[in-house]
Amino acid sequence: MRPAIRAAGADDLPALVALDEVCFGAEAWSTVAWSTEFDRLSEDRVILVADEGSVVGYAVLLVPPVALDVVELLRIAVSPAERRTGIGGQLMTAALARCAGRTVLLEVAAGNDSALGLYEGFGFEEISRRRGYYAGGEDAVIMRWRETV
C-alpha cells in the first residue's frame, strides 16, 4: 500500500514529534518547536505527511508569500522501517509540486549519502557548504532546485 501524502493536521503533532526524535536524535525539534510550526501553518508553513494509517514520513516547507522569494525545505524524514520504499520520493514530489515556478533551497549533512542521492535525483545542485556546521565537524551542503520547463 502506498501512503497518502496529505497536509498535516493538529492531530499529527505527537506522531511528528516522535518520528522526528527517531530520525534526528539529538538534532530533533522540540515539541515547542513543532507546535510553533503548526501555529504558522496558515502563514508560511506547509507540513506534508506520508500516512499509511500512521505517519511514516513528513516534509516541512517554508513558503514565503512573495513568489520571488526562495522556498526552504526545512525538514524531510521517513521512518527507518520505511526507507528505500519510495516514500521520500513521494514526499519530495508533493513538496516540489507546491513550489511550482520557485527556487527551493535545503541543507543536508555532507555524509548523508541517501539524502544527497534523493535530492540530486530531483535535480538539486550543490551551491555552497557550511564548513564544520554540524556536531562533530561535519559540513552542511546547501543545495538549490529550480524548476526546469
N, C-alpha and C. Protein backbone atom coordinates (compact mmCIF):
# COMPACT_ATOMS: atom_id res chain seq x y z
N MET A 1 0.84 -1.19 0.00
CA MET A 1 0.00 0.00 0.00
C MET A 1 0.88 1.24 0.00
N ARG A 2 0.65 2.14 -0.94
CA ARG A 2 1.40 3.39 -0.98
C ARG A 2 0.75 4.38 -0.01
N PRO A 3 1.55 5.13 0.72
CA PRO A 3 0.95 6.07 1.68
C PRO A 3 0.27 7.22 0.96
N ALA A 4 -0.71 7.79 1.63
CA ALA A 4 -1.35 9.01 1.15
C ALA A 4 -0.48 10.18 1.60
N ILE A 5 -0.19 11.08 0.69
CA ILE A 5 0.52 12.31 1.04
C ILE A 5 -0.55 13.38 1.23
N ARG A 6 -0.57 13.97 2.41
CA ARG A 6 -1.61 14.94 2.74
C ARG A 6 -1.02 16.04 3.62
N ALA A 7 -1.77 17.12 3.74
CA ALA A 7 -1.37 18.19 4.64
C ALA A 7 -1.53 17.71 6.08
N ALA A 8 -0.59 18.09 6.91
CA ALA A 8 -0.65 17.71 8.32
C ALA A 8 -1.75 18.48 9.03
N GLY A 9 -2.30 17.82 10.02
CA GLY A 9 -3.28 18.46 10.89
C GLY A 9 -2.80 18.41 12.33
N ALA A 10 -3.46 19.13 13.19
CA ALA A 10 -3.05 19.22 14.59
C ALA A 10 -2.97 17.84 15.26
N ASP A 11 -3.80 16.90 14.82
CA ASP A 11 -3.77 15.55 15.40
C ASP A 11 -2.46 14.82 15.09
N ASP A 12 -1.72 15.29 14.08
CA ASP A 12 -0.47 14.65 13.70
C ASP A 12 0.72 15.07 14.56
N LEU A 13 0.55 16.10 15.36
CA LEU A 13 1.68 16.65 16.13
C LEU A 13 2.42 15.60 16.95
N PRO A 14 1.76 14.78 17.78
CA PRO A 14 2.51 13.80 18.57
C PRO A 14 3.30 12.82 17.70
N ALA A 15 2.72 12.37 16.60
CA ALA A 15 3.41 11.43 15.71
C ALA A 15 4.62 12.09 15.05
N LEU A 16 4.50 13.35 14.68
CA LEU A 16 5.63 14.06 14.06
C LEU A 16 6.76 14.27 15.04
N VAL A 17 6.44 14.63 16.26
CA VAL A 17 7.46 14.81 17.30
C VAL A 17 8.20 13.49 17.51
N ALA A 18 7.44 12.39 17.63
CA ALA A 18 8.06 11.08 17.87
C ALA A 18 8.92 10.65 16.69
N LEU A 19 8.42 10.82 15.46
CA LEU A 19 9.19 10.42 14.28
C LEU A 19 10.44 11.27 14.13
N ASP A 20 10.34 12.56 14.43
CA ASP A 20 11.50 13.45 14.35
C ASP A 20 12.59 12.99 15.32
N GLU A 21 12.19 12.58 16.53
CA GLU A 21 13.17 12.09 17.51
C GLU A 21 13.86 10.83 17.02
N VAL A 22 13.11 9.93 16.39
CA VAL A 22 13.69 8.70 15.86
C VAL A 22 14.68 9.02 14.74
N CYS A 23 14.29 9.95 13.86
CA CYS A 23 15.11 10.24 12.68
C CYS A 23 16.29 11.16 12.96
N PHE A 24 16.15 12.09 13.90
CA PHE A 24 17.18 13.09 14.10
C PHE A 24 17.85 13.07 15.47
N GLY A 25 17.37 12.25 16.38
CA GLY A 25 18.02 12.12 17.69
C GLY A 25 18.21 13.46 18.37
N ALA A 26 19.45 13.76 18.72
CA ALA A 26 19.78 15.00 19.44
C ALA A 26 19.46 16.26 18.63
N GLU A 27 19.36 16.12 17.33
CA GLU A 27 19.05 17.26 16.46
C GLU A 27 17.55 17.42 16.22
N ALA A 28 16.73 16.61 16.88
CA ALA A 28 15.27 16.67 16.70
C ALA A 28 14.73 18.00 17.20
N TRP A 29 13.66 18.43 16.58
CA TRP A 29 12.95 19.62 17.05
C TRP A 29 12.18 19.27 18.31
N SER A 30 12.08 20.21 19.21
CA SER A 30 11.32 20.01 20.45
C SER A 30 9.82 20.05 20.14
N THR A 31 9.03 19.62 21.11
CA THR A 31 7.57 19.72 20.96
C THR A 31 7.17 21.16 20.78
N VAL A 32 7.83 22.08 21.49
CA VAL A 32 7.52 23.51 21.36
C VAL A 32 7.83 23.99 19.94
N ALA A 33 8.97 23.57 19.38
CA ALA A 33 9.32 23.98 18.02
C ALA A 33 8.29 23.45 17.02
N TRP A 34 7.89 22.20 17.18
CA TRP A 34 6.86 21.65 16.30
C TRP A 34 5.54 22.39 16.46
N SER A 35 5.18 22.72 17.68
CA SER A 35 3.94 23.48 17.91
C SER A 35 3.99 24.83 17.21
N THR A 36 5.16 25.47 17.25
CA THR A 36 5.33 26.74 16.57
C THR A 36 5.13 26.57 15.06
N GLU A 37 5.66 25.49 14.50
CA GLU A 37 5.46 25.22 13.07
C GLU A 37 3.96 25.10 12.77
N PHE A 38 3.23 24.38 13.61
CA PHE A 38 1.79 24.23 13.39
C PHE A 38 1.05 25.55 13.55
N ASP A 39 1.50 26.39 14.48
CA ASP A 39 0.87 27.70 14.65
C ASP A 39 1.00 28.57 13.41
N ARG A 40 2.04 28.32 12.62
CA ARG A 40 2.31 29.14 11.44
C ARG A 40 1.79 28.52 10.14
N LEU A 41 1.08 27.41 10.22
CA LEU A 41 0.62 26.73 9.00
C LEU A 41 -0.15 27.66 8.07
N SER A 42 -0.98 28.52 8.59
CA SER A 42 -1.77 29.38 7.72
C SER A 42 -0.95 30.55 7.18
N GLU A 43 0.22 30.80 7.74
CA GLU A 43 1.04 31.92 7.29
C GLU A 43 2.01 31.51 6.20
N ASP A 44 3.05 30.77 6.56
CA ASP A 44 4.10 30.49 5.58
C ASP A 44 4.67 29.08 5.68
N ARG A 45 4.00 28.20 6.37
CA ARG A 45 4.49 26.84 6.54
C ARG A 45 3.58 25.84 5.84
N VAL A 46 4.18 24.83 5.28
CA VAL A 46 3.45 23.69 4.74
C VAL A 46 4.08 22.45 5.36
N ILE A 47 3.27 21.62 5.98
CA ILE A 47 3.76 20.36 6.50
C ILE A 47 2.97 19.26 5.80
N LEU A 48 3.69 18.41 5.10
CA LEU A 48 3.08 17.27 4.43
C LEU A 48 3.45 16.00 5.19
N VAL A 49 2.52 15.08 5.27
CA VAL A 49 2.82 13.80 5.92
C VAL A 49 2.50 12.66 4.96
N ALA A 50 3.28 11.59 5.10
CA ALA A 50 3.01 10.34 4.41
C ALA A 50 2.27 9.47 5.41
N ASP A 51 1.04 9.09 5.08
CA ASP A 51 0.17 8.41 6.02
C ASP A 51 -0.19 7.03 5.49
N GLU A 52 0.20 6.00 6.24
CA GLU A 52 -0.17 4.61 5.93
C GLU A 52 -1.04 4.05 7.06
N GLY A 53 -1.91 4.88 7.59
CA GLY A 53 -2.65 4.52 8.79
C GLY A 53 -1.95 5.09 10.01
N SER A 54 -0.69 5.43 9.83
CA SER A 54 0.10 6.18 10.81
C SER A 54 1.10 7.00 10.01
N VAL A 55 1.64 8.02 10.63
CA VAL A 55 2.59 8.90 9.95
C VAL A 55 3.93 8.16 9.80
N VAL A 56 4.37 7.98 8.56
CA VAL A 56 5.64 7.28 8.30
C VAL A 56 6.67 8.20 7.66
N GLY A 57 6.30 9.45 7.41
CA GLY A 57 7.24 10.41 6.85
C GLY A 57 6.62 11.79 6.85
N TYR A 58 7.46 12.79 6.66
CA TYR A 58 6.97 14.16 6.62
C TYR A 58 7.95 15.06 5.88
N ALA A 59 7.45 16.20 5.45
CA ALA A 59 8.27 17.27 4.87
C ALA A 59 7.73 18.59 5.38
N VAL A 60 8.64 19.50 5.73
CA VAL A 60 8.27 20.82 6.22
C VAL A 60 8.87 21.85 5.28
N LEU A 61 8.02 22.73 4.76
CA LEU A 61 8.45 23.78 3.84
C LEU A 61 8.16 25.15 4.41
N LEU A 62 9.08 26.07 4.22
CA LEU A 62 8.86 27.49 4.50
C LEU A 62 8.59 28.12 3.14
N VAL A 63 7.36 28.60 2.94
CA VAL A 63 6.94 29.14 1.66
C VAL A 63 6.58 30.61 1.84
N PRO A 64 7.52 31.52 1.57
CA PRO A 64 7.22 32.94 1.72
C PRO A 64 6.09 33.36 0.78
N PRO A 65 5.29 34.34 1.19
CA PRO A 65 4.16 34.76 0.35
C PRO A 65 4.59 35.45 -0.95
N VAL A 66 5.79 36.00 -0.99
CA VAL A 66 6.27 36.68 -2.20
C VAL A 66 6.86 35.63 -3.13
N ALA A 67 6.29 35.51 -4.31
CA ALA A 67 6.68 34.44 -5.25
C ALA A 67 8.14 34.49 -5.67
N LEU A 68 8.78 35.65 -5.61
CA LEU A 68 10.18 35.76 -6.00
C LEU A 68 11.13 35.25 -4.91
N ASP A 69 10.64 35.15 -3.68
CA ASP A 69 11.47 34.65 -2.58
C ASP A 69 11.63 33.14 -2.68
N VAL A 70 12.78 32.65 -2.23
CA VAL A 70 13.03 31.21 -2.28
C VAL A 70 12.23 30.48 -1.22
N VAL A 71 11.90 29.25 -1.54
CA VAL A 71 11.26 28.33 -0.60
C VAL A 71 12.37 27.55 0.07
N GLU A 72 12.21 27.25 1.35
CA GLU A 72 13.18 26.42 2.05
C GLU A 72 12.53 25.10 2.44
N LEU A 73 13.19 24.01 2.07
CA LEU A 73 12.79 22.70 2.57
C LEU A 73 13.50 22.55 3.90
N LEU A 74 12.76 22.74 4.99
CA LEU A 74 13.35 22.77 6.32
C LEU A 74 13.64 21.39 6.88
N ARG A 75 12.81 20.42 6.51
CA ARG A 75 12.92 19.10 7.12
C ARG A 75 12.22 18.10 6.23
N ILE A 76 12.81 16.94 6.09
CA ILE A 76 12.16 15.82 5.43
C ILE A 76 12.70 14.56 6.09
N ALA A 77 11.80 13.64 6.39
CA ALA A 77 12.23 12.41 7.06
C ALA A 77 11.25 11.29 6.77
N VAL A 78 11.78 10.08 6.80
CA VAL A 78 10.99 8.87 6.63
C VAL A 78 11.39 7.91 7.74
N SER A 79 10.41 7.24 8.29
CA SER A 79 10.66 6.25 9.34
C SER A 79 11.72 5.26 8.87
N PRO A 80 12.68 4.91 9.74
CA PRO A 80 13.72 3.97 9.33
C PRO A 80 13.17 2.67 8.72
N ALA A 81 12.06 2.18 9.23
CA ALA A 81 11.49 0.94 8.71
C ALA A 81 10.90 1.10 7.31
N GLU A 82 10.65 2.34 6.90
CA GLU A 82 10.01 2.60 5.60
C GLU A 82 10.97 3.20 4.57
N ARG A 83 12.24 3.33 4.93
CA ARG A 83 13.20 3.92 3.98
C ARG A 83 13.43 2.98 2.81
N ARG A 84 13.79 3.58 1.69
CA ARG A 84 14.04 2.85 0.44
C ARG A 84 12.79 2.17 -0.12
N THR A 85 11.63 2.75 0.21
CA THR A 85 10.37 2.23 -0.33
C THR A 85 9.71 3.22 -1.29
N GLY A 86 10.34 4.38 -1.48
CA GLY A 86 9.78 5.40 -2.37
C GLY A 86 9.02 6.50 -1.66
N ILE A 87 8.87 6.37 -0.34
CA ILE A 87 8.11 7.38 0.40
C ILE A 87 8.81 8.74 0.35
N GLY A 88 10.14 8.75 0.49
CA GLY A 88 10.87 10.02 0.40
C GLY A 88 10.65 10.69 -0.95
N GLY A 89 10.65 9.90 -2.00
CA GLY A 89 10.39 10.43 -3.33
C GLY A 89 8.98 10.97 -3.47
N GLN A 90 8.01 10.27 -2.89
CA GLN A 90 6.63 10.76 -2.92
C GLN A 90 6.51 12.09 -2.18
N LEU A 91 7.15 12.18 -1.02
CA LEU A 91 7.11 13.44 -0.27
C LEU A 91 7.77 14.56 -1.05
N MET A 92 8.93 14.26 -1.66
CA MET A 92 9.64 15.28 -2.42
C MET A 92 8.81 15.74 -3.62
N THR A 93 8.20 14.81 -4.32
CA THR A 93 7.35 15.16 -5.46
C THR A 93 6.22 16.08 -5.03
N ALA A 94 5.56 15.74 -3.93
CA ALA A 94 4.45 16.56 -3.43
C ALA A 94 4.95 17.93 -2.97
N ALA A 95 6.10 17.95 -2.31
CA ALA A 95 6.66 19.22 -1.83
C ALA A 95 7.01 20.13 -3.01
N LEU A 96 7.68 19.59 -4.01
CA LEU A 96 8.08 20.42 -5.15
C LEU A 96 6.88 20.86 -5.98
N ALA A 97 5.83 20.08 -5.98
CA ALA A 97 4.61 20.49 -6.68
C ALA A 97 4.03 21.76 -6.05
N ARG A 98 4.25 21.93 -4.75
CA ARG A 98 3.78 23.13 -4.05
C ARG A 98 4.64 24.35 -4.36
N CYS A 99 5.77 24.12 -5.03
CA CYS A 99 6.75 25.18 -5.26
C CYS A 99 6.91 25.51 -6.74
N ALA A 100 5.91 25.21 -7.53
CA ALA A 100 6.00 25.40 -8.98
C ALA A 100 6.46 26.83 -9.31
N GLY A 101 7.47 26.91 -10.17
CA GLY A 101 7.98 28.20 -10.61
C GLY A 101 8.88 28.91 -9.63
N ARG A 102 9.20 28.27 -8.52
CA ARG A 102 10.02 28.91 -7.49
C ARG A 102 11.33 28.16 -7.31
N THR A 103 12.27 28.82 -6.67
CA THR A 103 13.54 28.20 -6.31
C THR A 103 13.41 27.64 -4.90
N VAL A 104 13.97 26.44 -4.69
CA VAL A 104 13.92 25.78 -3.38
C VAL A 104 15.35 25.56 -2.90
N LEU A 105 15.61 25.88 -1.65
CA LEU A 105 16.90 25.64 -1.02
C LEU A 105 16.73 24.64 0.12
N LEU A 106 17.80 23.89 0.38
CA LEU A 106 17.83 23.00 1.53
C LEU A 106 19.27 22.85 1.98
N GLU A 107 19.42 22.32 3.17
CA GLU A 107 20.77 21.99 3.67
C GLU A 107 20.73 20.56 4.16
N VAL A 108 21.85 19.87 3.96
CA VAL A 108 21.94 18.46 4.33
C VAL A 108 23.36 18.17 4.78
N ALA A 109 23.51 17.24 5.71
CA ALA A 109 24.84 16.84 6.17
C ALA A 109 25.59 16.19 5.02
N ALA A 110 26.84 16.56 4.86
CA ALA A 110 27.66 16.07 3.74
C ALA A 110 27.77 14.55 3.73
N GLY A 111 27.67 13.92 4.87
CA GLY A 111 27.80 12.47 4.94
C GLY A 111 26.48 11.71 4.78
N ASN A 112 25.39 12.42 4.56
CA ASN A 112 24.09 11.78 4.43
C ASN A 112 23.88 11.38 2.96
N ASP A 113 24.54 10.30 2.58
CA ASP A 113 24.54 9.88 1.17
C ASP A 113 23.16 9.57 0.62
N SER A 114 22.29 8.96 1.42
CA SER A 114 20.97 8.62 0.90
C SER A 114 20.16 9.89 0.62
N ALA A 115 20.24 10.88 1.51
CA ALA A 115 19.53 12.13 1.28
C ALA A 115 20.11 12.87 0.08
N LEU A 116 21.43 12.91 0.00
CA LEU A 116 22.07 13.57 -1.15
C LEU A 116 21.63 12.92 -2.46
N GLY A 117 21.55 11.59 -2.48
CA GLY A 117 21.11 10.89 -3.67
C GLY A 117 19.67 11.23 -4.04
N LEU A 118 18.81 11.32 -3.03
CA LEU A 118 17.42 11.70 -3.26
C LEU A 118 17.35 13.09 -3.87
N TYR A 119 18.04 14.04 -3.24
CA TYR A 119 17.98 15.42 -3.71
C TYR A 119 18.56 15.56 -5.11
N GLU A 120 19.69 14.95 -5.36
CA GLU A 120 20.30 15.02 -6.69
C GLU A 120 19.38 14.39 -7.73
N GLY A 121 18.70 13.33 -7.36
CA GLY A 121 17.76 12.68 -8.27
C GLY A 121 16.60 13.57 -8.67
N PHE A 122 16.29 14.54 -7.83
CA PHE A 122 15.23 15.50 -8.13
C PHE A 122 15.77 16.78 -8.76
N GLY A 123 17.07 16.81 -9.04
CA GLY A 123 17.64 17.95 -9.73
C GLY A 123 18.23 19.03 -8.84
N PHE A 124 18.35 18.76 -7.55
CA PHE A 124 19.02 19.72 -6.67
C PHE A 124 20.51 19.72 -6.99
N GLU A 125 21.12 20.90 -6.90
CA GLU A 125 22.56 21.04 -7.14
C GLU A 125 23.21 21.72 -5.94
N GLU A 126 24.41 21.27 -5.59
CA GLU A 126 25.16 21.91 -4.51
C GLU A 126 25.56 23.31 -4.95
N ILE A 127 25.31 24.29 -4.08
CA ILE A 127 25.70 25.66 -4.40
C ILE A 127 26.67 26.23 -3.37
N SER A 128 26.77 25.58 -2.21
CA SER A 128 27.63 26.10 -1.16
C SER A 128 27.79 25.05 -0.07
N ARG A 129 28.74 25.32 0.85
CA ARG A 129 28.93 24.48 2.04
C ARG A 129 29.14 25.37 3.25
N ARG A 130 28.67 24.88 4.36
CA ARG A 130 28.98 25.48 5.65
C ARG A 130 29.95 24.52 6.32
N ARG A 131 31.20 24.89 6.36
CA ARG A 131 32.25 24.02 6.89
C ARG A 131 32.07 23.81 8.39
N GLY A 132 32.13 22.55 8.80
CA GLY A 132 32.07 22.21 10.22
C GLY A 132 30.78 22.61 10.90
N TYR A 133 29.69 22.69 10.18
CA TYR A 133 28.42 23.20 10.69
C TYR A 133 27.78 22.28 11.73
N TYR A 134 27.83 20.98 11.50
CA TYR A 134 27.16 20.03 12.39
C TYR A 134 28.10 19.56 13.50
N ALA A 135 27.49 19.03 14.56
CA ALA A 135 28.27 18.46 15.66
C ALA A 135 29.25 17.44 15.08
N GLY A 136 30.44 17.43 15.59
CA GLY A 136 31.46 16.52 15.08
C GLY A 136 32.21 17.09 13.89
N GLY A 137 31.87 18.32 13.50
CA GLY A 137 32.61 19.00 12.43
C GLY A 137 32.16 18.69 11.02
N GLU A 138 31.05 17.99 10.85
CA GLU A 138 30.58 17.65 9.50
C GLU A 138 30.06 18.90 8.79
N ASP A 139 30.34 18.97 7.49
CA ASP A 139 29.88 20.09 6.67
C ASP A 139 28.38 19.99 6.40
N ALA A 140 27.76 21.15 6.23
CA ALA A 140 26.39 21.23 5.71
C ALA A 140 26.50 21.59 4.24
N VAL A 141 25.81 20.84 3.40
CA VAL A 141 25.78 21.11 1.97
C VAL A 141 24.50 21.89 1.68
N ILE A 142 24.64 23.04 1.04
CA ILE A 142 23.49 23.85 0.65
C ILE A 142 23.18 23.50 -0.80
N MET A 143 21.91 23.14 -1.04
CA MET A 143 21.51 22.72 -2.38
C MET A 143 20.34 23.56 -2.87
N ARG A 144 20.26 23.69 -4.21
CA ARG A 144 19.21 24.50 -4.83
C ARG A 144 18.52 23.70 -5.92
N TRP A 145 17.20 23.91 -5.99
CA TRP A 145 16.39 23.33 -7.05
C TRP A 145 15.66 24.47 -7.75
N ARG A 146 15.72 24.42 -9.05
CA ARG A 146 14.93 25.36 -9.85
C ARG A 146 14.15 24.53 -10.84
N GLU A 147 12.88 24.83 -10.91
CA GLU A 147 12.02 24.10 -11.83
C GLU A 147 12.48 24.35 -13.27
N THR A 148 12.66 23.29 -14.01
CA THR A 148 13.01 23.43 -15.42
C THR A 148 11.78 23.16 -16.26
N VAL A 149 11.66 23.91 -17.31
CA VAL A 149 10.46 23.78 -18.15
C VAL A 149 10.81 23.13 -19.46
